[in-house]
Amino acid sequence: MTMSLRRENAALRQSNTLLGRENEAFMERLSEAQRRVEALLAQLPAADAADDATTQEAAQ
């Protein structure tokens, strides 16, 4: 029984380590996606201002 529990514990520790690494990789991907979205959002006001200027020119 003790040996069985030790093997199970070792397997669980290994699984936990792998899942921790996988979680870190996903967090890095999420951070990169967030940076990309923020960069795109930062460009939107400039695009909106250019659209407003075009619209105002067309109205005149």
C-alpha atoms as a PDB file:
ATOM      1  CA  MET A   1       0.000   0.000   0.000  1.00  0.00           C
ATOM      2  CA  THR A   2       2.767   2.436   0.952  1.00  0.00           C
ATOM      3  CA  MET A   3       4.666   1.813  -2.293  1.00  0.00           C
ATOM      4  CA  SER A   4       1.491   2.304  -4.307  1.00  0.00           C
ATOM      5  CA  LEU A   5       0.837   5.636  -2.622  1.00  0.00           C
ATOM      6  CA  ARG A   6       4.444   6.729  -3.172  1.00  0.00           C
ATOM      7  CA  ARG A   7       4.215   5.901  -6.882  1.00  0.00           C
ATOM      8  CA  GLU A   8       0.923   7.761  -7.108  1.00  0.00           C
ATOM      9  CA  ASN A   9       2.416  10.734  -5.258  1.00  0.00           C
ATOM     10  CA  ALA A  10       5.411  10.804  -7.619  1.00  0.00           C
ATOM     11  CA  ALA A  11       3.101  10.663 -10.639  1.00  0.00           C
ATOM     12  CA  LEU A  12       0.972  13.474  -9.232  1.00  0.00           C
ATOM     13  CA  ARG A  13       4.040  15.609  -8.554  1.00  0.00           C
ATOM     14  CA  GLN A  14       5.248  15.080 -12.111  1.00  0.00           C
ATOM     15  CA  SER A  15       1.800  15.915 -13.478  1.00  0.00           C
ATOM     16  CA  ASN A  16       1.659  19.015 -11.291  1.00  0.00           C
ATOM     17  CA  THR A  17       5.041  20.175 -12.599  1.00  0.00           C
ATOM     18  CA  LEU A  18       3.971  19.685 -16.210  1.00  0.00           C
ATOM     19  CA  LEU A  19       0.701  21.509 -15.634  1.00  0.00           C
ATOM     20  CA  GLY A  20       2.559  24.369 -13.964  1.00  0.00           C
ATOM     21  CA  ARG A  21       4.815  24.746 -17.015  1.00  0.00           C
ATOM     22  CA  GLU A  22       1.821  24.583 -19.321  1.00  0.00           C
ATOM     23  CA  ASN A  23       0.081  27.249 -17.247  1.00  0.00           C
ATOM     24  CA  GLU A  24       3.133  29.509 -17.485  1.00  0.00           C
ATOM     25  CA  ALA A  25       3.182  29.108 -21.265  1.00  0.00           C
ATOM     26  CA  PHE A  26      -0.512  29.976 -21.472  1.00  0.00           C
ATOM     27  CA  MET A  27       0.009  33.026 -19.262  1.00  0.00           C
ATOM     28  CA  GLU A  28       2.804  34.215 -21.556  1.00  0.00           C
ATOM     29  CA  ARG A  29       0.553  33.764 -24.588  1.00  0.00           C
ATOM     30  CA  LEU A  30      -2.238  35.639 -22.835  1.00  0.00           C
ATOM     31  CA  SER A  31       0.101  38.508 -21.950  1.00  0.00           C
ATOM     32  CA  GLU A  32       1.317  38.713 -25.542  1.00  0.00           C
ATOM     33  CA  ALA A  33      -2.266  38.758 -26.828  1.00  0.00           C
ATOM     34  CA  GLN A  34      -3.113  41.497 -24.334  1.00  0.00           C
ATOM     35  CA  ARG A  35      -0.147  43.590 -25.507  1.00  0.00           C
ATOM     36  CA  ARG A  36      -1.262  43.186 -29.115  1.00  0.00           C
ATOM     37  CA  VAL A  37      -4.844  44.193 -28.347  1.00  0.00           C
ATOM     38  CA  GLU A  38      -3.667  47.211 -26.374  1.00  0.00           C
ATOM     39  CA  ALA A  39      -1.430  48.253 -29.277  1.00  0.00           C
ATOM     40  CA  LEU A  40      -4.361  47.983 -31.673  1.00  0.00           C
ATOM     41  CA  LEU A  41      -6.608  49.953 -29.336  1.00  0.00           C
ATOM     42  CA  ALA A  42      -3.971  52.667 -29.067  1.00  0.00           C
ATOM     43  CA  GLN A  43      -4.147  53.082 -32.838  1.00  0.00           C
ATOM     44  CA  LEU A  44      -7.944  53.447 -32.945  1.00  0.00           C
ATOM     45  CA  PRO A  45      -8.201  57.094 -31.799  1.00  0.00           C
ATOM     46  CA  ALA A  46      -5.764  58.142 -34.527  1.00  0.00           C
ATOM     47  CA  ALA A  47      -7.833  56.289 -37.092  1.00  0.00           C
ATOM     48  CA  ASP A  48     -11.049  57.843 -35.733  1.00  0.00           C
ATOM     49  CA  ALA A  49      -9.556  61.347 -35.921  1.00  0.00           C
ATOM     50  CA  ALA A  50      -8.555  60.788 -39.530  1.00  0.00           C
ATOM     51  CA  ASP A  51     -12.074  59.497 -40.316  1.00  0.00           C
ATOM     52  CA  ASP A  52     -13.609  62.561 -38.637  1.00  0.00           C
ATOM     53  CA  ALA A  53     -11.398  64.877 -40.676  1.00  0.00           C
ATOM     54  CA  THR A  54     -12.376  63.079 -43.888  1.00  0.00           C
ATOM     55  CA  THR A  55     -16.041  63.286 -42.962  1.00  0.00           C
ATOM     56  CA  GLN A  56     -15.779  67.007 -42.205  1.00  0.00           C
ATOM     57  CA  GLU A  57     -13.993  67.662 -45.502  1.00  0.00           C
ATOM     58  CA  ALA A  58     -16.663  65.764 -47.401  1.00  0.00           C
ATOM     59  CA  ALA A  59     -19.415  67.779 -45.677  1.00  0.00           C
ATOM     60  CA  GLN A  60     -17.874  71.060 -46.809  1.00  0.00           C
END
